[in-house]
PDB file of N, CA and C in Angstrom:
ATOM      1  N   MET A   1      62.269   7.482  26.641  1.00  0.00           N
ATOM      2  CA  MET A   1      62.866   8.071  25.542  1.00  0.00           C
ATOM      3  C   MET A   1      60.703   8.531  24.406  1.00  0.00           C
ATOM      4  N   ASN A   2      60.286   9.078  24.420  1.00  0.00           N
ATOM      5  CA  ASN A   2      58.813   9.352  23.192  1.00  0.00           C
ATOM      6  C   ASN A   2      58.573   8.679  22.808  1.00  0.00           C
ATOM      7  N   ALA A   3      57.602   8.183  22.509  1.00  0.00           N
ATOM      8  CA  ALA A   3      56.934   7.071  20.585  1.00  0.00           C
ATOM      9  C   ALA A   3      56.367   8.181  19.921  1.00  0.00           C
ATOM     10  N   ALA A   4      56.694   7.926  18.874  1.00  0.00           N
ATOM     11  CA  ALA A   4      55.866   9.056  17.462  1.00  0.00           C
ATOM     12  C   ALA A   4      54.542   8.291  17.721  1.00  0.00           C
ATOM     13  N   PRO A   5      53.827  10.041  17.474  1.00  0.00           N
ATOM     14  CA  PRO A   5      52.502   9.066  17.465  1.00  0.00           C
ATOM     15  C   PRO A   5      51.435   8.818  16.324  1.00  0.00           C
ATOM     16  N   GLU A   6      51.950   7.596  16.648  1.00  0.00           N
ATOM     17  CA  GLU A   6      50.521   7.065  15.808  1.00  0.00           C
ATOM     18  C   GLU A   6      49.897   7.604  14.334  1.00  0.00           C
ATOM     19  N   PRO A   7      49.544   7.919  13.195  1.00  0.00           N
ATOM     20  CA  PRO A   7      48.960   8.739  12.713  1.00  0.00           C
ATOM     21  C   PRO A   7      48.042   8.524  12.586  1.00  0.00           C
ATOM     22  N   ASN A   8      47.468   8.964  12.646  1.00  0.00           N
ATOM     23  CA  ASN A   8      45.740   9.136  12.428  1.00  0.00           C
ATOM     24  C   ASN A   8      44.249   7.812  11.214  1.00  0.00           C
ATOM     25  N   VAL A   9      45.075   7.257  10.728  1.00  0.00           N
ATOM     26  CA  VAL A   9      44.769   6.062  10.367  1.00  0.00           C
ATOM     27  C   VAL A   9      43.313   5.736   9.659  1.00  0.00           C
ATOM     28  N   ALA A  10      42.539   5.934   9.504  1.00  0.00           N
ATOM     29  CA  ALA A  10      40.932   5.074   9.327  1.00  0.00           C
ATOM     30  C   ALA A  10      40.688   3.207   9.633  1.00  0.00           C
ATOM     31  N   ALA A  11      40.364   2.944  10.340  1.00  0.00           N
ATOM     32  CA  ALA A  11      40.408   1.863   9.564  1.00  0.00           C
ATOM     33  C   ALA A  11      40.338   1.083   8.894  1.00  0.00           C
ATOM     34  N   GLU A  12      40.028   0.217   8.225  1.00  0.00           N
ATOM     35  CA  GLU A  12      38.924   0.068   6.703  1.00  0.00           C
ATOM     36  C   GLU A  12      37.764  -1.383   7.822  1.00  0.00           C
ATOM     37  N   PRO A  13      36.556  -0.924   7.447  1.00  0.00           N
ATOM     38  CA  PRO A  13      36.099  -1.949   7.999  1.00  0.00           C
ATOM     39  C   PRO A  13      36.374  -3.271   7.584  1.00  0.00           C
ATOM     40  N   ASP A  14      36.284  -4.805   7.666  1.00  0.00           N
ATOM     41  CA  ASP A  14      35.893  -5.605   7.670  1.00  0.00           C
ATOM     42  C   ASP A  14      34.846  -6.203   6.828  1.00  0.00           C
ATOM     43  N   LYS A  15      35.532  -7.167   5.583  1.00  0.00           N
ATOM     44  CA  LYS A  15      35.579  -7.089   4.327  1.00  0.00           C
ATOM     45  C   LYS A  15      34.323  -8.927   4.992  1.00  0.00           C
ATOM     46  N   ASN A  16      34.676  -8.958   5.852  1.00  0.00           N
ATOM     47  CA  ASN A  16      33.581 -10.733   6.287  1.00  0.00           C
ATOM     48  C   ASN A  16      32.004 -10.407   7.033  1.00  0.00           C
ATOM     49  N   THR A  17      32.157  -9.157   7.321  1.00  0.00           N
ATOM     50  CA  THR A  17      30.655  -8.525   7.706  1.00  0.00           C
ATOM     51  C   THR A  17      30.310  -7.769   6.749  1.00  0.00           C
ATOM     52  N   ALA A  18      29.002  -8.092   6.618  1.00  0.00           N
ATOM     53  CA  ALA A  18      28.107  -7.002   6.185  1.00  0.00           C
ATOM     54  C   ALA A  18      27.021  -5.991   6.634  1.00  0.00           C
ATOM     55  N   ALA A  19      27.207  -4.967   6.571  1.00  0.00           N
ATOM     56  CA  ALA A  19      25.834  -4.384   6.758  1.00  0.00           C
ATOM     57  C   ALA A  19      24.447  -5.495   6.091  1.00  0.00           C
ATOM     58  N   PRO A  20      23.539  -5.214   7.301  1.00  0.00           N
ATOM     59  CA  PRO A  20      22.545  -5.920   6.421  1.00  0.00           C
ATOM     60  C   PRO A  20      21.426  -5.018   6.043  1.00  0.00           C
ATOM     61  N   VAL A  21      21.280  -5.876   4.826  1.00  0.00           N
ATOM     62  CA  VAL A  21      20.927  -5.022   3.890  1.00  0.00           C
ATOM     63  C   VAL A  21      18.866  -5.913   3.588  1.00  0.00           C
ATOM     64  N   GLN A  22      17.669  -4.465   3.978  1.00  0.00           N
ATOM     65  CA  GLN A  22      17.073  -4.384   4.108  1.00  0.00           C
ATOM     66  C   GLN A  22      15.866  -5.309   3.076  1.00  0.00           C
ATOM     67  N   PRO A  23      15.903  -5.324   3.466  1.00  0.00           N
ATOM     68  CA  PRO A  23      14.701  -6.546   2.003  1.00  0.00           C
ATOM     69  C   PRO A  23      14.033  -5.938   1.393  1.00  0.00           C
ATOM     70  N   SER A  24      13.879  -5.568  -0.128  1.00  0.00           N
ATOM     71  CA  SER A  24      13.242  -5.160  -1.534  1.00  0.00           C
ATOM     72  C   SER A  24      12.025  -6.503  -0.796  1.00  0.00           C
ATOM     73  N   ILE A  25      10.379  -4.787  -0.923  1.00  0.00           N
ATOM     74  CA  ILE A  25       9.059  -4.857  -0.224  1.00  0.00           C
ATOM     75  C   ILE A  25       8.650  -4.925  -1.704  1.00  0.00           C
ATOM     76  N   ARG A  26       7.659  -6.136  -2.084  1.00  0.00           N
ATOM     77  CA  ARG A  26       6.718  -5.034  -3.701  1.00  0.00           C
ATOM     78  C   ARG A  26       5.839  -5.214  -3.331  1.00  0.00           C
ATOM     79  N   VAL A  27       4.479  -4.001  -3.909  1.00  0.00           N
ATOM     80  CA  VAL A  27       3.413  -4.268  -3.103  1.00  0.00           C
ATOM     81  C   VAL A  27       2.906  -3.447  -4.510  1.00  0.00           C
ATOM     82  N   ASP A  28       0.933  -4.702  -4.813  1.00  0.00           N
ATOM     83  CA  ASP A  28       0.990  -4.513  -6.313  1.00  0.00           C
ATOM     84  C   ASP A  28      -0.409  -4.134  -5.523  1.00  0.00           C
ATOM     85  N   ASP A  29      -0.559  -3.376  -5.879  1.00  0.00           N
ATOM     86  CA  ASP A  29      -1.755  -1.937  -5.809  1.00  0.00           C
ATOM     87  C   ASP A  29      -3.109  -2.273  -6.442  1.00  0.00           C
ATOM     88  N   SER A  30      -2.523  -2.969  -6.578  1.00  0.00           N
ATOM     89  CA  SER A  30      -3.478  -3.116  -8.587  1.00  0.00           C
ATOM     90  C   SER A  30      -5.562  -3.429  -8.495  1.00  0.00           C
ATOM     91  N   HIS A  31      -5.732  -3.812  -7.736  1.00  0.00           N
ATOM     92  CA  HIS A  31      -6.735  -4.137  -6.648  1.00  0.00           C
ATOM     93  C   HIS A  31      -7.565  -3.677  -6.130  1.00  0.00           C
ATOM     94  N   LEU A  32      -6.879  -2.905  -5.189  1.00  0.00           N
ATOM     95  CA  LEU A  32      -6.701  -1.836  -4.109  1.00  0.00           C
ATOM     96  C   LEU A  32      -7.366  -1.154  -3.653  1.00  0.00           C
ATOM     97  N   VAL A  33      -9.309  -1.240  -3.430  1.00  0.00           N
ATOM     98  CA  VAL A  33     -10.503  -1.120  -3.388  1.00  0.00           C
ATOM     99  C   VAL A  33     -10.109   0.923  -1.932  1.00  0.00           C
ATOM    100  N   ALA A  34      -9.628   1.843  -1.922  1.00  0.00           N
ATOM    101  CA  ALA A  34     -10.232   2.193  -0.917  1.00  0.00           C
ATOM    102  C   ALA A  34     -11.259   3.538  -0.292  1.00  0.00           C
ATOM    103  N   SER A  35     -11.608   3.677   0.886  1.00  0.00           N
ATOM    104  CA  SER A  35     -13.292   3.415   1.409  1.00  0.00           C
ATOM    105  C   SER A  35     -12.348   4.749   2.922  1.00  0.00           C
ATOM    106  N   TYR A  36     -13.417   4.683   2.929  1.00  0.00           N
ATOM    107  CA  TYR A  36     -13.220   6.822   4.199  1.00  0.00           C
ATOM    108  C   TYR A  36     -13.985   5.959   5.131  1.00  0.00           C
ATOM    109  N   ALA A  37     -12.849   5.751   7.030  1.00  0.00           N
ATOM    110  CA  ALA A  37     -13.473   5.462   7.954  1.00  0.00           C
ATOM    111  C   ALA A  37     -13.716   6.224   8.819  1.00  0.00           C
ATOM    112  N   ASN A  38     -14.775   6.704   9.578  1.00  0.00           N
ATOM    113  CA  ASN A  38     -14.964   7.172  10.785  1.00  0.00           C
ATOM    114  C   ASN A  38     -14.858   7.046  11.950  1.00  0.00           C
ATOM    115  N   PHE A  39     -14.993   5.635  12.231  1.00  0.00           N
ATOM    116  CA  PHE A  39     -15.114   4.374  13.141  1.00  0.00           C
ATOM    117  C   PHE A  39     -14.140   3.401  12.910  1.00  0.00           C
ATOM    118  N   CYS A  40     -14.141   3.148  14.306  1.00  0.00           N
ATOM    119  CA  CYS A  40     -13.345   1.850  13.902  1.00  0.00           C
ATOM    120  C   CYS A  40     -13.182   0.920  15.577  1.00  0.00           C
ATOM    121  N   ARG A  41     -13.869  -0.062  15.586  1.00  0.00           N
ATOM    122  CA  ARG A  41     -14.051  -0.940  16.678  1.00  0.00           C
ATOM    123  C   ARG A  41     -12.610  -2.248  16.578  1.00  0.00           C
ATOM    124  N   ILE A  42     -12.219  -1.970  17.856  1.00  0.00           N
ATOM    125  CA  ILE A  42     -11.562  -3.466  17.902  1.00  0.00           C
ATOM    126  C   ILE A  42     -12.006  -4.500  19.046  1.00  0.00           C
ATOM    127  N   THR A  43     -11.330  -6.076  18.454  1.00  0.00           N
ATOM    128  CA  THR A  43     -12.051  -6.702  19.258  1.00  0.00           C
ATOM    129  C   THR A  43     -11.121  -7.772  19.339  1.00  0.00           C
ATOM    130  N   GLY A  44     -10.808  -8.830  19.900  1.00  0.00           N
ATOM    131  CA  GLY A  44      -9.989  -9.609  19.820  1.00  0.00           C
ATOM    132  C   GLY A  44     -10.265 -11.137  21.433  1.00  0.00           C
ATOM    133  N   THR A  45      -8.948 -12.258  19.976  1.00  0.00           N
ATOM    134  CA  THR A  45      -8.525 -13.179  20.631  1.00  0.00           C
ATOM    135  C   THR A  45      -7.569 -13.666  21.599  1.00  0.00           C
ATOM    136  N   PRO A  46      -6.631 -14.453  22.542  1.00  0.00           N
ATOM    137  CA  PRO A  46      -6.287 -14.850  22.662  1.00  0.00           C
ATOM    138  C   PRO A  46      -4.633 -14.889  21.633  1.00  0.00           C
ATOM    139  N   GLU A  47      -5.028 -14.693  19.945  1.00  0.00           N
ATOM    140  CA  GLU A  47      -4.529 -15.152  19.478  1.00  0.00           C
ATOM    141  C   GLU A  47      -4.542 -14.431  18.162  1.00  0.00           C
ATOM    142  N   GLU A  48      -5.738 -13.237  18.323  1.00  0.00           N
ATOM    143  CA  GLU A  48      -4.988 -12.157  16.647  1.00  0.00           C
ATOM    144  C   GLU A  48      -6.505 -11.137  17.172  1.00  0.00           C
ATOM    145  N   LEU A  49      -6.333  -9.451  17.020  1.00  0.00           N
ATOM    146  CA  LEU A  49      -6.932  -8.965  17.024  1.00  0.00           C
ATOM    147  C   LEU A  49      -7.818  -8.503  15.397  1.00  0.00           C
ATOM    148  N   ILE A  50      -8.839  -7.233  15.637  1.00  0.00           N
ATOM    149  CA  ILE A  50     -10.394  -7.382  14.673  1.00  0.00           C
ATOM    150  C   ILE A  50     -10.637  -6.093  14.567  1.00  0.00           C
ATOM    151  N   PHE A  51     -10.574  -4.756  13.998  1.00  0.00           N
ATOM    152  CA  PHE A  51     -10.268  -4.420  13.205  1.00  0.00           C
ATOM    153  C   PHE A  51     -11.634  -4.469  12.721  1.00  0.00           C
ATOM    154  N   ASP A  52     -12.395  -3.272  12.888  1.00  0.00           N
ATOM    155  CA  ASP A  52     -13.839  -3.194  12.008  1.00  0.00           C
ATOM    156  C   ASP A  52     -13.733  -1.947  11.300  1.00  0.00           C
ATOM    157  N   PHE A  53     -13.805  -1.724  10.030  1.00  0.00           N
ATOM    158  CA  PHE A  53     -13.862  -0.019  10.322  1.00  0.00           C
ATOM    159  C   PHE A  53     -14.406   0.192   9.436  1.00  0.00           C
ATOM    160  N   GLY A  54     -15.941   1.435   9.807  1.00  0.00           N
ATOM    161  CA  GLY A  54     -16.970   1.763   8.663  1.00  0.00           C
ATOM    162  C   GLY A  54     -17.223   3.392   9.309  1.00  0.00           C
ATOM    163  N   LEU A  55     -18.100   3.977   8.681  1.00  0.00           N
ATOM    164  CA  LEU A  55     -18.535   5.501   8.751  1.00  0.00           C
ATOM    165  C   LEU A  55     -19.449   5.442   9.170  1.00  0.00           C
ATOM    166  N   ASN A  56     -19.689   6.738  10.628  1.00  0.00           N
ATOM    167  CA  ASN A  56     -20.202   6.845  11.168  1.00  0.00           C
ATOM    168  C   ASN A  56     -20.729   7.851  11.004  1.00  0.00           C
ATOM    169  N   PRO A  57     -22.204   8.352  10.265  1.00  0.00           N
ATOM    170  CA  PRO A  57     -23.119   9.400   9.728  1.00  0.00           C
ATOM    171  C   PRO A  57     -23.075  10.271  10.396  1.00  0.00           C
ATOM    172  N   HIS A  58     -23.200   9.158  11.883  1.00  0.00           N
ATOM    173  CA  HIS A  58     -23.576  11.088  13.127  1.00  0.00           C
ATOM    174  C   HIS A  58     -22.279  11.075  13.624  1.00  0.00           C
ATOM    175  N   PRO A  59     -20.929  11.536  13.718  1.00  0.00           N
ATOM    176  CA  PRO A  59     -20.199  11.669  14.680  1.00  0.00           C
ATOM    177  C   PRO A  59     -20.672  12.641  15.097  1.00  0.00           C
ATOM    178  N   PHE A  60     -21.416  13.602  15.316  1.00  0.00           N
ATOM    179  CA  PHE A  60     -20.851  15.054  16.682  1.00  0.00           C
ATOM    180  C   PHE A  60     -22.796  14.907  17.637  1.00  0.00           C
ATOM    181  N   THR A  61     -23.285  13.341  17.465  1.00  0.00           N
ATOM    182  CA  THR A  61     -24.127  12.783  18.590  1.00  0.00           C
ATOM    183  C   THR A  61     -24.506  11.827  18.395  1.00  0.00           C
ATOM    184  N   ALA A  62     -25.510  11.613  19.584  1.00  0.00           N
ATOM    185  CA  ALA A  62     -25.944  10.240  19.174  1.00  0.00           C
ATOM    186  C   ALA A  62     -27.145   9.706  18.504  1.00  0.00           C
ATOM    187  N   SER A  63     -27.130   9.011  17.901  1.00  0.00           N
ATOM    188  CA  SER A  63     -28.229   8.303  16.452  1.00  0.00           C
ATOM    189  C   SER A  63     -28.317   6.630  16.982  1.00  0.00           C
ATOM    190  N   ALA A  64     -30.195   6.580  16.292  1.00  0.00           N
ATOM    191  CA  ALA A  64     -30.198   4.979  16.723  1.00  0.00           C
ATOM    192  C   ALA A  64     -30.741   4.917  15.616  1.00  0.00           C
ATOM    193  N   ASP A  65     -29.404   4.882  14.496  1.00  0.00           N
ATOM    194  CA  ASP A  65     -28.349   4.667  13.005  1.00  0.00           C
ATOM    195  C   ASP A  65     -27.638   3.943  13.718  1.00  0.00           C
ATOM    196  N   ALA A  66     -27.214   2.708  13.029  1.00  0.00           N
ATOM    197  CA  ALA A  66     -26.346   1.600  13.642  1.00  0.00           C
ATOM    198  C   ALA A  66     -25.171   1.786  12.575  1.00  0.00           C
ATOM    199  N   ILE A  67     -23.796   2.083  12.735  1.00  0.00           N
ATOM    200  CA  ILE A  67     -22.858   2.047  11.852  1.00  0.00           C
ATOM    201  C   ILE A  67     -23.044   1.321  11.232  1.00  0.00           C
ATOM    202  N   VAL A  68     -22.458   0.848  10.641  1.00  0.00           N
ATOM    203  CA  VAL A  68     -21.994  -0.135   8.654  1.00  0.00           C
ATOM    204  C   VAL A  68     -20.431  -0.432   8.969  1.00  0.00           C
ATOM    205  N   VAL A  69     -19.898  -1.408   9.498  1.00  0.00           N
ATOM    206  CA  VAL A  69     -18.821  -1.725   8.713  1.00  0.00           C
ATOM    207  C   VAL A  69     -18.978  -2.108   7.755  1.00  0.00           C
ATOM    208  N   THR A  70     -17.954  -1.539   7.423  1.00  0.00           N
ATOM    209  CA  THR A  70     -17.354  -1.865   6.047  1.00  0.00           C
ATOM    210  C   THR A  70     -16.314  -2.394   5.312  1.00  0.00           C
ATOM    211  N   GLN A  71     -15.725  -2.349   6.462  1.00  0.00           N
ATOM    212  CA  GLN A  71     -13.985  -3.195   6.076  1.00  0.00           C
ATOM    213  C   GLN A  71     -13.821  -4.385   7.358  1.00  0.00           C
ATOM    214  N   ARG A  72     -13.252  -5.239   7.311  1.00  0.00           N
ATOM    215  CA  ARG A  72     -11.982  -5.882   9.073  1.00  0.00           C
ATOM    216  C   ARG A  72     -11.107  -6.575   8.923  1.00  0.00           C
ATOM    217  N   ILE A  73     -10.168  -6.132   9.758  1.00  0.00           N
ATOM    218  CA  ILE A  73      -8.887  -6.685   9.517  1.00  0.00           C
ATOM    219  C   ILE A  73      -8.768  -7.306  10.577  1.00  0.00           C
ATOM    220  N   SER A  74      -7.948  -8.867  10.251  1.00  0.00           N
ATOM    221  CA  SER A  74      -7.594  -9.474  11.553  1.00  0.00           C
ATOM    222  C   SER A  74      -6.238  -9.851  10.824  1.00  0.00           C
ATOM    223  N   THR A  75      -5.533  -9.593  12.185  1.00  0.00           N
ATOM    224  CA  THR A  75      -4.261  -9.660  12.468  1.00  0.00           C
ATOM    225  C   THR A  75      -3.808 -10.330  13.413  1.00  0.00           C
ATOM    226  N   ASN A  76      -2.625 -10.418  13.397  1.00  0.00           N
ATOM    227  CA  ASN A  76      -1.712 -10.887  14.660  1.00  0.00           C
ATOM    228  C   ASN A  76      -1.812 -10.197  15.671  1.00  0.00           C
ATOM    229  N   TYR A  77      -0.979 -10.036  17.030  1.00  0.00           N
ATOM    230  CA  TYR A  77      -0.721  -9.174  17.697  1.00  0.00           C
ATOM    231  C   TYR A  77       1.033  -9.082  17.032  1.00  0.00           C
ATOM    232  N   PHE A  78       1.611  -9.600  16.318  1.00  0.00           N
ATOM    233  CA  PHE A  78       2.561  -9.078  16.879  1.00  0.00           C
ATOM    234  C   PHE A  78       2.647  -8.904  15.148  1.00  0.00           C
ATOM    235  N   THR A  79       2.217  -8.616  14.177  1.00  0.00           N
ATOM    236  CA  THR A  79       1.951  -7.098  12.760  1.00  0.00           C
ATOM    237  C   THR A  79       1.083  -6.211  14.385  1.00  0.00           C
ATOM    238  N   ALA A  80       0.916  -6.045  14.666  1.00  0.00           N
ATOM    239  CA  ALA A  80      -0.283  -4.830  15.095  1.00  0.00           C
ATOM    240  C   ALA A  80       0.579  -3.575  16.116  1.00  0.00           C
ATOM    241  N   LYS A  81       1.926  -4.745  17.197  1.00  0.00           N
ATOM    242  CA  LYS A  81       2.309  -3.997  17.467  1.00  0.00           C
ATOM    243  C   LYS A  81       3.670  -3.464  16.339  1.00  0.00           C
ATOM    244  N   ARG A  82       3.750  -3.671  15.379  1.00  0.00           N
ATOM    245  CA  ARG A  82       4.776  -2.930  14.585  1.00  0.00           C
ATOM    246  C   ARG A  82       3.726  -1.846  14.243  1.00  0.00           C
ATOM    247  N   MET A  83       2.527  -2.491  13.933  1.00  0.00           N
ATOM    248  CA  MET A  83       1.255  -1.280  13.635  1.00  0.00           C
ATOM    249  C   MET A  83       2.004  -0.262  13.831  1.00  0.00           C
ATOM    250  N   ALA A  84       0.915  -0.586  15.376  1.00  0.00           N
ATOM    251  CA  ALA A  84       0.743   0.863  15.959  1.00  0.00           C
ATOM    252  C   ALA A  84       2.418   1.613  16.395  1.00  0.00           C
ATOM    253  N   HIS A  85       3.762   0.719  16.775  1.00  0.00           N
ATOM    254  CA  HIS A  85       4.906   1.725  16.603  1.00  0.00           C
ATOM    255  C   HIS A  85       4.028   2.686  14.848  1.00  0.00           C
ATOM    256  N   ALA A  86       4.526   1.989  13.795  1.00  0.00           N
ATOM    257  CA  ALA A  86       4.436   3.003  12.325  1.00  0.00           C
ATOM    258  C   ALA A  86       3.693   3.958  12.615  1.00  0.00           C
ATOM    259  N   LEU A  87       2.318   3.333  12.905  1.00  0.00           N
ATOM    260  CA  LEU A  87       0.868   4.621  13.460  1.00  0.00           C
ATOM    261  C   LEU A  87       2.006   5.730  13.640  1.00  0.00           C
ATOM    262  N   GLN A  88       2.513   5.881  15.524  1.00  0.00           N
ATOM    263  CA  GLN A  88       3.344   6.477  16.180  1.00  0.00           C
ATOM    264  C   GLN A  88       3.723   7.485  15.875  1.00  0.00           C
ATOM    265  N   MET A  89       4.979   6.638  14.949  1.00  0.00           N
ATOM    266  CA  MET A  89       5.822   7.502  13.741  1.00  0.00           C
ATOM    267  C   MET A  89       5.010   8.285  12.866  1.00  0.00           C
ATOM    268  N   THR A  90       4.312   7.452  12.090  1.00  0.00           N
ATOM    269  CA  THR A  90       3.785   8.939  11.551  1.00  0.00           C
ATOM    270  C   THR A  90       3.061  10.425  12.484  1.00  0.00           C
ATOM    271  N   LEU A  91       2.740   9.537  13.674  1.00  0.00           N
ATOM    272  CA  LEU A  91       1.807  10.980  13.979  1.00  0.00           C
ATOM    273  C   LEU A  91       2.451  11.418  14.523  1.00  0.00           C
ATOM    274  N   GLU A  92       4.153  11.165  15.245  1.00  0.00           N
ATOM    275  CA  GLU A  92       5.096  12.254  15.558  1.00  0.00           C
ATOM    276  C   GLU A  92       5.412  12.924  14.296  1.00  0.00           C
ATOM    277  N   ARG A  93       6.380  12.646  13.473  1.00  0.00           N
ATOM    278  CA  ARG A  93       6.314  13.104  11.924  1.00  0.00           C
ATOM    279  C   ARG A  93       5.978  14.368  11.490  1.00  0.00           C
ATOM    280  N   HIS A  94       3.572  13.881  11.685  1.00  0.00           N
ATOM    281  CA  HIS A  94       3.019  14.888  11.796  1.00  0.00           C
ATOM    282  C   HIS A  94       2.961  15.954  12.605  1.00  0.00           C
ATOM    283  N   GLU A  95       2.858  15.835  13.518  1.00  0.00           N
ATOM    284  CA  GLU A  95       2.712  16.433  15.028  1.00  0.00           C
ATOM    285  C   GLU A  95       4.038  17.677  14.986  1.00  0.00           C
ATOM    286  N   ALA A  96       4.683  16.826  14.617  1.00  0.00           N
ATOM    287  CA  ALA A  96       6.512  17.923  14.581  1.00  0.00           C
ATOM    288  C   ALA A  96       5.763  19.427  13.212  1.00  0.00           C
ATOM    289  N   ALA A  97       5.363  18.562  11.915  1.00  0.00           N
ATOM    290  CA  ALA A  97       5.448  19.649  11.099  1.00  0.00           C
ATOM    291  C   ALA A  97       3.734  20.353  10.662  1.00  0.00           C
ATOM    292  N   PHE A  98       2.647  19.711  11.431  1.00  0.00           N
ATOM    293  CA  PHE A  98       1.479  20.913  11.143  1.00  0.00           C
ATOM    294  C   PHE A  98       1.101  20.834  12.582  1.00  0.00           C
ATOM    295  N   GLY A  99       1.556  20.611  14.008  1.00  0.00           N
ATOM    296  CA  GLY A  99       1.376  20.898  15.825  1.00  0.00           C
ATOM    297  C   GLY A  99       1.079  19.537  15.892  1.00  0.00           C
ATOM    298  N   VAL A 100      -0.139  19.346  17.046  1.00  0.00           N
ATOM    299  CA  VAL A 100      -0.767  18.488  17.289  1.00  0.00           C
ATOM    300  C   VAL A 100      -2.349  17.832  16.844  1.00  0.00           C
ATOM    301  N   VAL A 101      -1.999  16.916  16.344  1.00  0.00           N
ATOM    302  CA  VAL A 101      -3.158  16.788  16.817  1.00  0.00           C
ATOM    303  C   VAL A 101      -4.378  16.447  17.204  1.00  0.00           C
ATOM    304  N   GLU A 102      -5.298  16.841  17.948  1.00  0.00           N
ATOM    305  CA  GLU A 102      -6.306  16.704  18.719  1.00  0.00           C
ATOM    306  C   GLU A 102      -7.438  16.080  18.426  1.00  0.00           C
ATOM    307  N   PRO A 103      -7.258  14.456  19.084  1.00  0.00           N
ATOM    308  CA  PRO A 103      -8.449  13.702  18.754  1.00  0.00           C
ATOM    309  C   PRO A 103     -10.651  13.474  19.108  1.00  0.00           C
ATOM    310  N   ASP A 104     -10.195  14.757  20.796  1.00  0.00           N
ATOM    311  CA  ASP A 104     -11.053  14.983  21.502  1.00  0.00           C
ATOM    312  C   ASP A 104     -11.797  16.184  20.891  1.00  0.00           C
ATOM    313  N   VAL A 105     -13.294  15.422  19.454  1.00  0.00           N
ATOM    314  CA  VAL A 105     -13.920  16.563  19.042  1.00  0.00           C
ATOM    315  C   VAL A 105     -13.782  18.338  19.543  1.00  0.00           C
ATOM    316  N   THR A 106     -14.965  18.016  21.155  1.00  0.00           N
ATOM    317  CA  THR A 106     -14.808  18.814  21.025  1.00  0.00           C
ATOM    318  C   THR A 106     -14.090  20.092  21.579  1.00  0.00           C
ATOM    319  N   ARG A 107     -12.729  19.683  21.911  1.00  0.00           N
ATOM    320  CA  ARG A 107     -11.683  20.326  22.956  1.00  0.00           C
ATOM    321  C   ARG A 107     -11.382  21.223  20.202  1.00  0.00           C
ATOM    322  N   ARG A 108     -11.058  20.548  19.946  1.00  0.00           N
ATOM    323  CA  ARG A 108     -11.078  21.138  18.655  1.00  0.00           C
ATOM    324  C   ARG A 108     -12.617  21.949  18.132  1.00  0.00           C
ATOM    325  N   ALA A 109     -13.894  22.324  18.077  1.00  0.00           N
ATOM    326  CA  ALA A 109     -14.613  22.993  18.471  1.00  0.00           C
ATOM    327  C   ALA A 109     -14.732  23.636  18.632  1.00  0.00           C
ATOM    328  N   MET A 110     -13.669  23.777  20.542  1.00  0.00           N
ATOM    329  CA  MET A 110     -13.814  25.014  21.723  1.00  0.00           C
ATOM    330  C   MET A 110     -12.282  25.652  20.500  1.00  0.00           C
ATOM    331  N   ASP A 111     -11.061  24.948  20.433  1.00  0.00           N
ATOM    332  CA  ASP A 111      -9.677  25.609  19.382  1.00  0.00           C
ATOM    333  C   ASP A 111     -10.108  26.502  18.535  1.00  0.00           C
ATOM    334  N   ALA A 112     -11.569  26.441  18.095  1.00  0.00           N
ATOM    335  CA  ALA A 112     -11.748  26.454  16.371  1.00  0.00           C
ATOM    336  C   ALA A 112     -12.097  27.983  16.775  1.00  0.00           C
ATOM    337  N   GLN A 113     -13.401  27.535  17.738  1.00  0.00           N
ATOM    338  CA  GLN A 113     -14.768  28.581  18.123  1.00  0.00           C
ATOM    339  C   GLN A 113     -13.938  30.057  19.504  1.00  0.00           C
ATOM    340  N   PHE A 114     -12.507  29.474  19.635  1.00  0.00           N
ATOM    341  CA  PHE A 114     -12.221  30.307  20.915  1.00  0.00           C
ATOM    342  C   PHE A 114     -10.170  30.561  20.668  1.00  0.00           C
ATOM    343  N   PRO A 115     -10.011  31.009  19.870  1.00  0.00           N
ATOM    344  CA  PRO A 115      -8.875  30.072  19.537  1.00  0.00           C
ATOM    345  C   PRO A 115      -7.209  30.943  20.929  1.00  0.00           C
ATOM    346  N   HIS A 116      -8.140  31.299  21.437  1.00  0.00           N
ATOM    347  CA  HIS A 116      -6.270  32.144  21.794  1.00  0.00           C
ATOM    348  C   HIS A 116      -7.211  31.733  23.367  1.00  0.00           C
ATOM    349  N   ALA A 117      -7.656  31.016  23.839  1.00  0.00           N
ATOM    350  CA  ALA A 117      -8.096  30.490  25.005  1.00  0.00           C
ATOM    351  C   ALA A 117      -7.440  29.472  25.535  1.00  0.00           C
ATOM    352  N   ARG A 118      -6.503  28.521  25.034  1.00  0.00           N
ATOM    353  CA  ARG A 118      -5.644  27.893  25.670  1.00  0.00           C
ATOM    354  C   ARG A 118      -4.670  28.580  26.012  1.00  0.00           C
ATOM    355  N   GLU A 119      -4.347  29.628  25.534  1.00  0.00           N
ATOM    356  CA  GLU A 119      -2.600  30.433  25.312  1.00  0.00           C
ATOM    357  C   GLU A 119      -2.805  30.929  26.555  1.00  0.00           C
TER     358      GLU A 119
END
């Protein structure tokens, strides 16, 4: 005896299991001070990472001038790992839209001078 096929019925979601809700994070940036940095030094202890940011006035040459550090951010390794992940995802999206970001200034200069050299 053949049983009649069951109709395609979508299962109702269980009303007792709610989807996790992302907390709403409010940010007050009214006291924000924006600055530019082309230099970052990272040091650490077993408990925290210390990021020093500053402006290198001679990024293409060696100079006896000291790099003035203007901002210091100290954070724990858990936050640093989340920050590294967020930065990686942001860079991947940027590169997907605009092309590879070349961190080596010498290669960038060569690519600008000889744009078809790597093809």
